[in-house]
Amino acid sequence: MSSSVQLLEATGSALRDALARRDWGAIGELDAQCRQAVDEAMVDAVRDEGQLRERMQELLDLYRELVLTCQAEQRRLAGELVQLNQSQQGAKVYQLFS
């Protein structure tokens, strides 16, 4: 296994761990590292095509999971903001009558 494929595997693993922890800062950094690892792996693609294809598929699956998780987090935060806004509106109405 070439070093670029190993780097791709290690970076993908670290990204999966960060996703499990919902560590958004680490995910941002690891995303940049994953992109660099993909670029490097593409240079070595001729030599390690089978392993690279497998790692790329795993990374694609991971990014699908990451997108779904981000969308769920976005919906959750939007719901919290709606509830906060409704609470503030209710407090304003209450203050008008007190």
Protein backbone atom coordinates (compact mmCIF):
# COMPACT_ATOMS: atom_id res chain seq x y z
CA MET A 1 0.00 0.00 0.00
CA SER A 2 1.46 3.35 -1.00
CA SER A 3 2.01 6.13 1.50
CA SER A 4 -0.67 8.26 -0.19
CA VAL A 5 -3.27 5.51 0.23
CA GLN A 6 -2.17 5.06 3.86
CA LEU A 7 -2.50 8.82 4.40
CA LEU A 8 -5.95 8.73 2.84
CA GLU A 9 -6.96 5.89 5.14
CA ALA A 10 -5.55 7.59 8.26
CA THR A 11 -7.15 10.93 7.44
CA GLY A 12 -10.50 9.27 6.74
CA SER A 13 -10.30 7.42 10.04
CA ALA A 14 -9.53 10.63 11.92
CA LEU A 15 -12.43 12.36 10.15
CA ARG A 16 -14.78 9.52 11.15
CA ASP A 17 -13.65 9.87 14.80
CA ALA A 18 -14.16 13.64 14.72
CA LEU A 19 -17.63 13.14 13.25
CA ALA A 20 -18.51 10.69 16.02
CA ARG A 21 -17.45 13.34 18.57
CA ARG A 22 -19.22 16.13 16.64
CA ASP A 23 -15.92 18.04 16.77
CA TRP A 24 -16.71 20.58 14.04
CA GLY A 25 -13.35 22.37 14.33
CA ALA A 26 -11.44 19.14 13.81
CA ILE A 27 -13.76 18.19 10.95
CA GLY A 28 -12.91 21.44 9.16
CA GLU A 29 -9.18 20.82 9.51
CA LEU A 30 -9.45 17.17 8.55
CA ASP A 31 -11.55 18.04 5.52
CA ALA A 32 -8.65 20.10 4.17
CA GLN A 33 -6.25 17.26 4.93
CA CYS A 34 -8.56 14.76 3.20
CA ARG A 35 -8.65 16.91 0.09
CA GLN A 36 -4.85 17.06 0.04
CA ALA A 37 -4.61 13.30 0.62
CA VAL A 38 -7.02 12.68 -2.29
CA ASP A 39 -4.90 14.87 -4.55
CA GLU A 40 -1.76 12.97 -3.59
CA ALA A 41 -3.48 9.61 -3.97
CA MET A 42 -4.69 10.52 -7.45
CA VAL A 43 -1.05 11.01 -8.50
CA ASP A 44 -0.31 7.45 -7.36
CA ALA A 45 -3.57 6.06 -8.79
CA VAL A 46 -1.96 4.07 -11.57
CA ARG A 47 0.15 2.04 -9.17
CA ASP A 48 -2.46 1.33 -6.47
CA GLU A 49 -5.73 1.49 -8.36
CA GLY A 50 -7.53 -1.28 -6.45
CA GLN A 51 -6.66 0.00 -2.99
CA LEU A 52 -7.27 3.57 -4.01
CA ARG A 53 -10.71 2.78 -5.40
CA GLU A 54 -11.66 1.09 -2.11
CA ARG A 55 -10.39 3.98 0.03
CA MET A 56 -12.08 6.55 -2.19
CA GLN A 57 -15.40 4.71 -1.87
CA GLU A 58 -14.99 4.61 1.92
CA LEU A 59 -14.24 8.32 1.92
CA LEU A 60 -17.26 9.03 -0.28
CA ASP A 61 -19.47 7.08 2.11
CA LEU A 62 -17.98 8.99 5.03
CA TYR A 63 -18.68 12.34 3.37
CA ARG A 64 -22.29 11.27 2.74
CA GLU A 65 -22.60 10.50 6.45
CA LEU A 66 -20.96 13.83 7.29
CA VAL A 67 -23.40 15.76 5.08
CA LEU A 68 -26.39 13.97 6.61
CA THR A 69 -25.10 14.67 10.12
CA CYS A 70 -24.54 18.34 9.31
CA GLN A 71 -28.04 18.62 7.87
CA ALA A 72 -29.52 17.02 10.99
CA GLU A 73 -27.51 19.39 13.19
CA GLN A 74 -28.70 22.34 11.11
CA ARG A 75 -32.34 21.27 11.53
CA ARG A 76 -31.84 20.80 15.27
CA LEU A 77 -30.31 24.26 15.66
CA ALA A 78 -33.03 25.83 13.52
CA GLY A 79 -35.64 24.25 15.80
CA GLU A 80 -33.90 25.64 18.86
CA LEU A 81 -33.81 29.11 17.30
CA VAL A 82 -37.52 28.95 16.50
CA GLN A 83 -38.29 27.95 20.09
CA LEU A 84 -36.06 30.73 21.43
CA ASN A 85 -37.75 33.27 19.19
CA GLN A 86 -41.20 32.10 20.28
CA SER A 87 -40.16 32.32 23.94
CA GLN A 88 -38.88 35.86 23.45
CA GLN A 89 -42.12 36.89 21.72
CA GLY A 90 -44.12 35.39 24.57
CA ALA A 91 -42.02 37.26 27.11
CA LYS A 92 -42.60 40.53 25.26
CA VAL A 93 -46.38 39.99 25.27
CA TYR A 94 -46.28 39.13 28.97
CA GLN A 95 -44.32 42.33 29.72
CA LEU A 96 -46.94 44.40 27.89
CA PHE A 97 -49.64 43.21 30.30
CA SER A 98 -47.66 43.34 33.50
